[in-house]
Amino acid sequence: MSGLLRGFGRVAGSMLVVLACPAAALYGQQASPAAPPAAATLEKGKQHLVTYACSACHGYAGQGSDVGPRLDMNRLTLQAFTGYVRKPARRMPPYRTERQIPDTALAEIYAFLKSLPPPPDPKSIPLLRAD
């Protein structure tokens, strides 16, 4: 009987590692930090911006509007982004539960926004210079 339990423990431990690996990759804890997110993940993140109405205030690429600020993913970690969406400090309505926005959707939104190139330096835009 004890051999059976030990065998089960090894199998359960192996399953835990297998199950944890995809979650770790989704949350930016993968073994290879240089590996970009899959195109499907980025496309889902782009779709989630519309599905969960983020684009209504923050734009389709997180560029911001007169209602919501630009989403600067270079300054936010996934954990900070998720925490802010769950408990915002300003006018943004809270999305406190997984039923409102699942953590996987937030991770995909984050990956999409993180994949976008940064905006150009305003000094490099001729119409914005006072030359």
Protein backbone atom coordinates (compact mmCIF):
# COMPACT_ATOMS: atom_id res chain seq x y z
CA MET A 1 0.00 0.00 0.00
CA SER A 2 2.75 2.47 0.88
CA GLY A 3 4.44 1.81 -2.48
CA LEU A 4 1.19 2.68 -4.22
CA LEU A 5 0.99 5.98 -2.31
CA ARG A 6 4.60 6.81 -3.12
CA GLY A 7 3.91 6.12 -6.81
CA PHE A 8 0.83 8.30 -6.68
CA GLY A 9 2.86 11.07 -5.04
CA ARG A 10 5.40 10.98 -7.86
CA VAL A 11 2.66 11.05 -10.51
CA ALA A 12 0.82 13.88 -8.75
CA GLY A 13 4.07 15.83 -8.39
CA SER A 14 4.83 15.35 -12.09
CA MET A 15 1.33 16.49 -13.02
CA LEU A 16 1.75 19.59 -10.87
CA VAL A 17 4.95 20.50 -12.70
CA VAL A 18 3.29 19.97 -16.09
CA LEU A 19 0.28 22.04 -15.08
CA ALA A 20 2.39 24.82 -13.58
CA CYS A 21 4.65 25.26 -16.63
CA PRO A 22 2.00 26.75 -18.97
CA ALA A 23 0.79 29.06 -16.21
CA ALA A 24 4.34 30.17 -15.48
CA ALA A 25 4.91 30.89 -19.17
CA LEU A 26 1.69 32.91 -19.36
CA TYR A 27 2.74 35.02 -16.39
CA GLY A 28 6.22 35.77 -17.68
CA GLN A 29 8.13 33.24 -15.58
CA GLN A 30 9.28 31.04 -18.43
CA ALA A 31 12.76 29.57 -18.60
CA SER A 32 13.61 31.57 -21.73
CA PRO A 33 12.79 35.25 -21.10
CA ALA A 34 13.58 36.14 -24.75
CA ALA A 35 10.75 33.98 -26.14
CA PRO A 36 7.97 36.24 -27.45
CA PRO A 37 4.32 35.38 -26.78
CA ALA A 38 2.58 33.31 -29.44
CA ALA A 39 0.68 35.18 -32.16
CA ALA A 40 -2.56 33.57 -30.96
CA THR A 41 -2.01 34.99 -27.46
CA LEU A 42 -1.43 38.47 -28.89
CA GLU A 43 -4.53 38.25 -31.07
CA LYS A 44 -6.62 37.14 -28.09
CA GLY A 45 -5.27 40.06 -26.07
CA LYS A 46 -6.22 42.46 -28.85
CA GLN A 47 -9.74 40.97 -28.95
CA HIS A 48 -10.08 41.14 -25.16
CA LEU A 49 -9.50 44.91 -25.26
CA VAL A 50 -12.80 45.16 -27.13
CA THR A 51 -14.66 42.29 -25.44
CA TYR A 52 -14.09 43.67 -21.95
CA ALA A 53 -14.56 47.31 -23.10
CA CYS A 54 -11.01 48.39 -22.20
CA SER A 55 -10.75 50.06 -25.62
CA ALA A 56 -13.68 52.36 -24.80
CA CYS A 57 -11.43 54.35 -22.47
CA HIS A 58 -7.87 53.28 -23.30
CA GLY A 59 -8.08 52.88 -27.11
CA TYR A 60 -7.53 49.82 -29.28
CA ALA A 61 -3.79 49.86 -28.66
CA GLY A 62 -3.78 51.22 -25.11
CA GLN A 63 -2.84 54.66 -26.44
CA GLY A 64 -5.29 56.40 -24.10
CA SER A 65 -8.00 58.96 -24.68
CA ASP A 66 -9.67 61.85 -22.93
CA VAL A 67 -11.42 59.26 -20.72
CA GLY A 68 -8.61 56.84 -19.84
CA PRO A 69 -4.81 57.17 -19.73
CA ARG A 70 -2.29 55.47 -22.01
CA LEU A 71 -1.36 52.02 -20.74
CA ASP A 72 2.42 52.04 -20.35
CA MET A 73 3.44 48.39 -20.16
CA ASN A 74 7.14 49.30 -19.88
CA ARG A 75 6.48 50.55 -16.37
CA LEU A 76 4.08 47.81 -15.26
CA THR A 77 4.63 44.17 -14.49
CA LEU A 78 1.84 41.68 -15.16
CA GLN A 79 1.27 41.43 -11.42
CA ALA A 80 0.98 45.23 -11.05
CA PHE A 81 -1.30 45.45 -14.11
CA THR A 82 -3.60 42.71 -12.78
CA GLY A 83 -3.60 44.26 -9.31
CA TYR A 84 -4.57 47.66 -10.67
CA VAL A 85 -7.40 46.26 -12.81
CA ARG A 86 -8.73 44.38 -9.78
CA LYS A 87 -8.40 47.36 -7.39
CA PRO A 88 -7.94 50.62 -9.32
CA ALA A 89 -7.01 53.79 -7.50
CA ARG A 90 -8.73 56.29 -9.77
CA ARG A 91 -11.93 56.59 -11.81
CA MET A 92 -11.58 53.22 -13.49
CA PRO A 93 -14.31 50.76 -12.50
CA PRO A 94 -12.93 47.73 -10.66
CA TYR A 95 -12.94 44.32 -12.30
CA ARG A 96 -12.55 42.46 -9.02
CA THR A 97 -13.41 38.90 -9.98
CA GLU A 98 -12.44 36.22 -12.49
CA ARG A 99 -16.06 36.33 -13.72
CA GLN A 100 -15.63 39.94 -14.79
CA ILE A 101 -12.24 39.45 -16.47
CA PRO A 102 -10.33 36.17 -16.09
CA ASP A 103 -6.66 36.37 -15.13
CA THR A 104 -5.80 34.58 -18.39
CA ALA A 105 -7.52 37.35 -20.37
CA LEU A 106 -5.61 39.99 -18.39
CA ALA A 107 -2.35 38.16 -19.15
CA GLU A 108 -3.22 38.10 -22.86
CA ILE A 109 -4.14 41.81 -22.84
CA TYR A 110 -0.86 42.54 -21.08
CA ALA A 111 1.11 40.47 -23.62
CA PHE A 112 -0.60 42.26 -26.53
CA LEU A 113 0.06 45.72 -25.12
CA LYS A 114 3.64 44.79 -24.22
CA SER A 115 4.23 43.63 -27.82
CA LEU A 116 3.35 47.03 -29.29
CA PRO A 117 6.21 49.38 -30.18
CA PRO A 118 6.62 52.38 -27.89
CA PRO A 119 5.21 55.68 -29.13
CA PRO A 120 7.64 57.96 -30.95
CA ASP A 121 9.48 60.67 -29.06
CA PRO A 122 7.41 63.88 -29.47
CA LYS A 123 10.61 65.72 -30.43
CA SER A 124 10.87 63.48 -33.51
CA ILE A 125 7.44 64.60 -34.84
CA PRO A 126 7.85 67.77 -36.95
CA LEU A 127 4.30 69.04 -36.32
CA LEU A 128 4.89 69.00 -32.58
CA ARG A 129 8.16 70.92 -32.66
CA ALA A 130 8.21 74.68 -32.27
CA ASP A 131 11.07 75.18 -34.75
